[in-house]
């Protein structure tokens, strides 16, 4: 697994992994990390309790895998997630 990410990229990868609608395939496309490597990165970078919470949250979540997504989910984020002020 590549570990030479700058802090901004590392932060973005973790943020994308936490987002419900961002599939692992998007992380792989942008950063070259397959799902297994994202899990390893999260295990290394998060506190143990945070990692367990994240794993519980993403396990079985259909929106984290592009092929399992319901037909209506075509974006990587909820329309209310990035509100413009």
N, C-alpha and C. Protein backbone atom coordinates (compact mmCIF):
# COMPACT_ATOMS: atom_id res chain seq x y z
N UNK A 1 0.84 -1.18 0.00
CA UNK A 1 0.00 0.00 0.00
C UNK A 1 0.88 1.24 0.00
N UNK A 2 0.53 2.20 -0.83
CA UNK A 2 1.26 3.45 -0.89
C UNK A 2 0.91 4.29 0.33
N UNK A 3 1.93 4.78 1.03
CA UNK A 3 1.68 5.57 2.23
C UNK A 3 2.26 6.97 2.13
N UNK A 4 2.66 7.38 0.95
CA UNK A 4 3.30 8.69 0.81
C UNK A 4 2.30 9.78 0.41
N UNK A 5 1.18 9.84 1.12
CA UNK A 5 0.19 10.89 0.86
C UNK A 5 0.51 12.10 1.72
N UNK A 6 0.33 13.28 1.13
CA UNK A 6 0.51 14.48 1.95
C UNK A 6 -0.69 14.58 2.89
N UNK A 7 -0.57 15.36 3.96
CA UNK A 7 -1.64 15.45 4.96
C UNK A 7 -3.00 15.83 4.38
N UNK A 8 -3.04 16.69 3.38
CA UNK A 8 -4.32 17.09 2.78
C UNK A 8 -4.97 15.91 2.06
N UNK A 9 -4.19 15.13 1.30
CA UNK A 9 -4.73 13.97 0.61
C UNK A 9 -5.18 12.90 1.60
N UNK A 10 -4.38 12.68 2.63
CA UNK A 10 -4.73 11.71 3.65
C UNK A 10 -6.05 12.09 4.33
N UNK A 11 -6.20 13.35 4.64
CA UNK A 11 -7.43 13.84 5.24
C UNK A 11 -8.61 13.64 4.31
N UNK A 12 -8.43 13.91 3.03
CA UNK A 12 -9.51 13.76 2.05
C UNK A 12 -9.90 12.29 1.88
N UNK A 13 -8.92 11.39 1.87
CA UNK A 13 -9.21 9.96 1.76
C UNK A 13 -10.05 9.51 2.95
N UNK A 14 -9.67 9.93 4.15
CA UNK A 14 -10.43 9.57 5.35
C UNK A 14 -11.83 10.15 5.28
N UNK A 15 -11.95 11.40 4.84
CA UNK A 15 -13.26 12.03 4.70
C UNK A 15 -14.13 11.27 3.70
N UNK A 16 -13.56 10.90 2.56
CA UNK A 16 -14.31 10.15 1.55
C UNK A 16 -14.74 8.78 2.08
N UNK A 17 -13.87 8.15 2.86
CA UNK A 17 -14.21 6.84 3.41
C UNK A 17 -15.38 6.94 4.39
N UNK A 18 -15.47 8.04 5.12
CA UNK A 18 -16.57 8.24 6.07
C UNK A 18 -17.88 8.60 5.38
N UNK A 19 -17.81 9.22 4.21
CA UNK A 19 -19.02 9.65 3.52
C UNK A 19 -19.82 8.43 3.05
N UNK A 20 -21.11 8.45 3.33
CA UNK A 20 -21.96 7.32 2.96
C UNK A 20 -22.06 7.12 1.46
N UNK A 21 -22.12 8.18 0.71
CA UNK A 21 -22.39 8.07 -0.73
C UNK A 21 -21.13 8.03 -1.59
N UNK A 22 -19.97 8.08 -1.00
CA UNK A 22 -18.73 8.01 -1.78
C UNK A 22 -18.29 6.55 -1.85
N UNK A 23 -18.36 5.95 -3.03
CA UNK A 23 -17.99 4.53 -3.14
C UNK A 23 -16.47 4.33 -3.05
N UNK A 24 -16.09 3.13 -2.62
CA UNK A 24 -14.67 2.80 -2.56
C UNK A 24 -14.02 2.93 -3.93
N UNK A 25 -14.78 2.69 -4.99
CA UNK A 25 -14.24 2.80 -6.34
C UNK A 25 -13.79 4.22 -6.66
N UNK A 26 -14.48 5.22 -6.10
CA UNK A 26 -14.08 6.62 -6.32
C UNK A 26 -12.74 6.90 -5.65
N UNK A 27 -12.55 6.35 -4.45
CA UNK A 27 -11.26 6.53 -3.75
C UNK A 27 -10.15 5.85 -4.55
N UNK A 28 -10.45 4.67 -5.08
CA UNK A 28 -9.45 3.96 -5.88
C UNK A 28 -9.12 4.73 -7.15
N UNK A 29 -10.12 5.28 -7.79
CA UNK A 29 -9.90 6.03 -9.02
C UNK A 29 -9.05 7.29 -8.76
N UNK A 30 -9.34 8.00 -7.69
CA UNK A 30 -8.63 9.24 -7.41
C UNK A 30 -7.25 9.03 -6.78
N UNK A 31 -7.14 8.02 -5.89
CA UNK A 31 -5.90 7.87 -5.12
C UNK A 31 -5.19 6.54 -5.32
N UNK A 32 -5.77 5.64 -6.12
CA UNK A 32 -5.14 4.36 -6.39
C UNK A 32 -5.19 3.37 -5.24
N UNK A 33 -6.10 3.58 -4.29
CA UNK A 33 -6.23 2.69 -3.14
C UNK A 33 -7.47 1.81 -3.28
N UNK A 34 -7.29 0.51 -3.44
CA UNK A 34 -8.46 -0.36 -3.46
C UNK A 34 -9.07 -0.45 -2.05
N UNK A 35 -10.25 -1.01 -1.97
CA UNK A 35 -10.98 -1.06 -0.69
C UNK A 35 -10.13 -1.64 0.44
N UNK A 36 -9.43 -2.71 0.18
CA UNK A 36 -8.61 -3.35 1.21
C UNK A 36 -7.55 -2.38 1.75
N UNK A 37 -6.95 -1.59 0.88
CA UNK A 37 -5.94 -0.62 1.31
C UNK A 37 -6.57 0.54 2.08
N UNK A 38 -7.78 0.92 1.69
CA UNK A 38 -8.49 1.98 2.44
C UNK A 38 -8.76 1.49 3.86
N UNK A 39 -9.16 0.24 4.00
CA UNK A 39 -9.41 -0.33 5.33
C UNK A 39 -8.12 -0.32 6.15
N UNK A 40 -7.01 -0.71 5.54
CA UNK A 40 -5.72 -0.70 6.25
C UNK A 40 -5.33 0.72 6.66
N UNK A 41 -5.54 1.68 5.75
CA UNK A 41 -5.23 3.08 6.04
C UNK A 41 -6.09 3.57 7.21
N UNK A 42 -7.38 3.27 7.18
CA UNK A 42 -8.28 3.70 8.25
C UNK A 42 -7.88 3.05 9.58
N UNK A 43 -7.51 1.80 9.55
CA UNK A 43 -7.08 1.11 10.77
C UNK A 43 -5.85 1.79 11.36
N UNK A 44 -4.94 2.21 10.49
CA UNK A 44 -3.69 2.84 10.93
C UNK A 44 -3.90 4.27 11.41
N UNK A 45 -4.79 5.03 10.74
CA UNK A 45 -4.91 6.45 11.02
C UNK A 45 -5.95 6.82 12.09
N UNK A 46 -6.95 5.95 12.29
CA UNK A 46 -8.00 6.26 13.27
C UNK A 46 -7.69 5.62 14.62
N UNK A 47 -8.29 6.18 15.65
CA UNK A 47 -8.23 5.53 16.96
C UNK A 47 -8.97 4.21 16.84
N UNK A 48 -8.61 3.21 17.64
CA UNK A 48 -9.27 1.90 17.54
C UNK A 48 -10.80 1.97 17.65
N UNK A 49 -11.31 2.77 18.55
CA UNK A 49 -12.77 2.87 18.69
C UNK A 49 -13.40 3.53 17.47
N UNK A 50 -12.73 4.52 16.89
CA UNK A 50 -13.24 5.18 15.69
C UNK A 50 -13.21 4.23 14.50
N UNK A 51 -12.15 3.43 14.41
CA UNK A 51 -12.07 2.45 13.34
C UNK A 51 -13.21 1.44 13.44
N UNK A 52 -13.47 0.93 14.63
CA UNK A 52 -14.56 -0.04 14.82
C UNK A 52 -15.90 0.58 14.44
N UNK A 53 -16.12 1.82 14.83
CA UNK A 53 -17.36 2.53 14.49
C UNK A 53 -17.49 2.68 12.97
N UNK A 54 -16.40 3.06 12.31
CA UNK A 54 -16.41 3.21 10.85
C UNK A 54 -16.69 1.88 10.17
N UNK A 55 -16.02 0.81 10.60
CA UNK A 55 -16.22 -0.50 9.98
C UNK A 55 -17.67 -0.95 10.14
N UNK A 56 -18.22 -0.73 11.32
CA UNK A 56 -19.62 -1.10 11.54
C UNK A 56 -20.53 -0.31 10.61
N UNK A 57 -20.18 0.96 10.41
CA UNK A 57 -21.00 1.84 9.57
C UNK A 57 -20.95 1.44 8.09
N UNK A 58 -19.79 1.11 7.55
CA UNK A 58 -19.66 0.85 6.12
C UNK A 58 -19.91 -0.61 5.73
N UNK A 59 -19.83 -1.53 6.68
CA UNK A 59 -20.04 -2.93 6.36
C UNK A 59 -21.47 -3.16 5.88
N UNK A 60 -21.60 -3.65 4.68
CA UNK A 60 -22.91 -3.93 4.12
C UNK A 60 -23.65 -2.72 3.57
N UNK A 61 -23.03 -1.56 3.59
CA UNK A 61 -23.68 -0.34 3.08
C UNK A 61 -23.59 -0.34 1.55
N UNK A 62 -24.73 -0.43 0.91
CA UNK A 62 -24.75 -0.56 -0.55
C UNK A 62 -24.19 0.66 -1.27
N UNK A 63 -24.30 1.84 -0.69
CA UNK A 63 -23.82 3.04 -1.38
C UNK A 63 -22.29 3.14 -1.38
N UNK A 64 -21.60 2.31 -0.61
CA UNK A 64 -20.14 2.33 -0.61
C UNK A 64 -19.56 1.51 -1.76
N UNK A 65 -20.42 0.84 -2.52
CA UNK A 65 -19.98 0.04 -3.67
C UNK A 65 -20.82 0.43 -4.87
N UNK A 66 -20.19 0.94 -5.88
CA UNK A 66 -20.88 1.47 -7.06
C UNK A 66 -21.86 0.47 -7.66
N UNK A 67 -21.49 -0.79 -7.75
CA UNK A 67 -22.35 -1.80 -8.38
C UNK A 67 -23.57 -2.16 -7.53
N UNK A 68 -23.50 -1.92 -6.24
CA UNK A 68 -24.61 -2.27 -5.35
C UNK A 68 -25.56 -1.10 -5.09
N UNK A 69 -25.23 0.07 -5.62
CA UNK A 69 -26.04 1.26 -5.38
C UNK A 69 -27.44 1.13 -5.97
N UNK A 70 -28.41 1.67 -5.25
CA UNK A 70 -29.76 1.76 -5.84
C UNK A 70 -29.72 2.65 -7.08
N UNK A 71 -30.64 2.46 -7.98
CA UNK A 71 -30.65 3.20 -9.25
C UNK A 71 -30.69 4.71 -9.06
N UNK A 72 -31.33 5.21 -8.03
CA UNK A 72 -31.46 6.65 -7.84
C UNK A 72 -30.24 7.35 -7.28
N UNK A 73 -29.23 6.61 -6.84
CA UNK A 73 -28.04 7.22 -6.25
C UNK A 73 -27.00 7.37 -7.33
N UNK A 74 -26.87 8.58 -7.84
CA UNK A 74 -25.92 8.81 -8.93
C UNK A 74 -24.83 9.80 -8.55
N UNK A 75 -24.94 10.41 -7.37
CA UNK A 75 -23.96 11.40 -6.92
C UNK A 75 -23.11 10.82 -5.79
N UNK A 76 -22.01 11.48 -5.54
CA UNK A 76 -21.14 11.08 -4.44
C UNK A 76 -21.49 11.77 -3.15
N UNK A 77 -22.50 12.62 -3.15
CA UNK A 77 -22.88 13.32 -1.92
C UNK A 77 -24.37 13.65 -1.95
N UNK A 78 -24.89 13.90 -0.79
CA UNK A 78 -26.30 14.27 -0.63
C UNK A 78 -26.47 15.72 -1.09
N UNK A 79 -27.60 16.08 -1.73
CA UNK A 79 -27.77 17.45 -2.22
C UNK A 79 -27.70 18.51 -1.12
N UNK A 80 -27.96 18.14 0.12
CA UNK A 80 -27.90 19.13 1.21
C UNK A 80 -26.56 19.13 1.93
N UNK A 81 -25.62 18.28 1.49
CA UNK A 81 -24.33 18.17 2.19
C UNK A 81 -23.49 19.43 2.05
N UNK A 82 -23.43 20.00 0.88
CA UNK A 82 -22.59 21.17 0.63
C UNK A 82 -23.50 22.37 0.36
N UNK A 83 -23.97 22.96 1.44
CA UNK A 83 -24.87 24.11 1.29
C UNK A 83 -24.04 25.37 1.01
N UNK A 84 -24.51 26.15 0.08
CA UNK A 84 -23.83 27.39 -0.25
C UNK A 84 -24.39 28.49 0.63
N UNK A 85 -23.55 29.31 1.17
CA UNK A 85 -23.99 30.37 2.08
C UNK A 85 -24.00 31.70 1.39
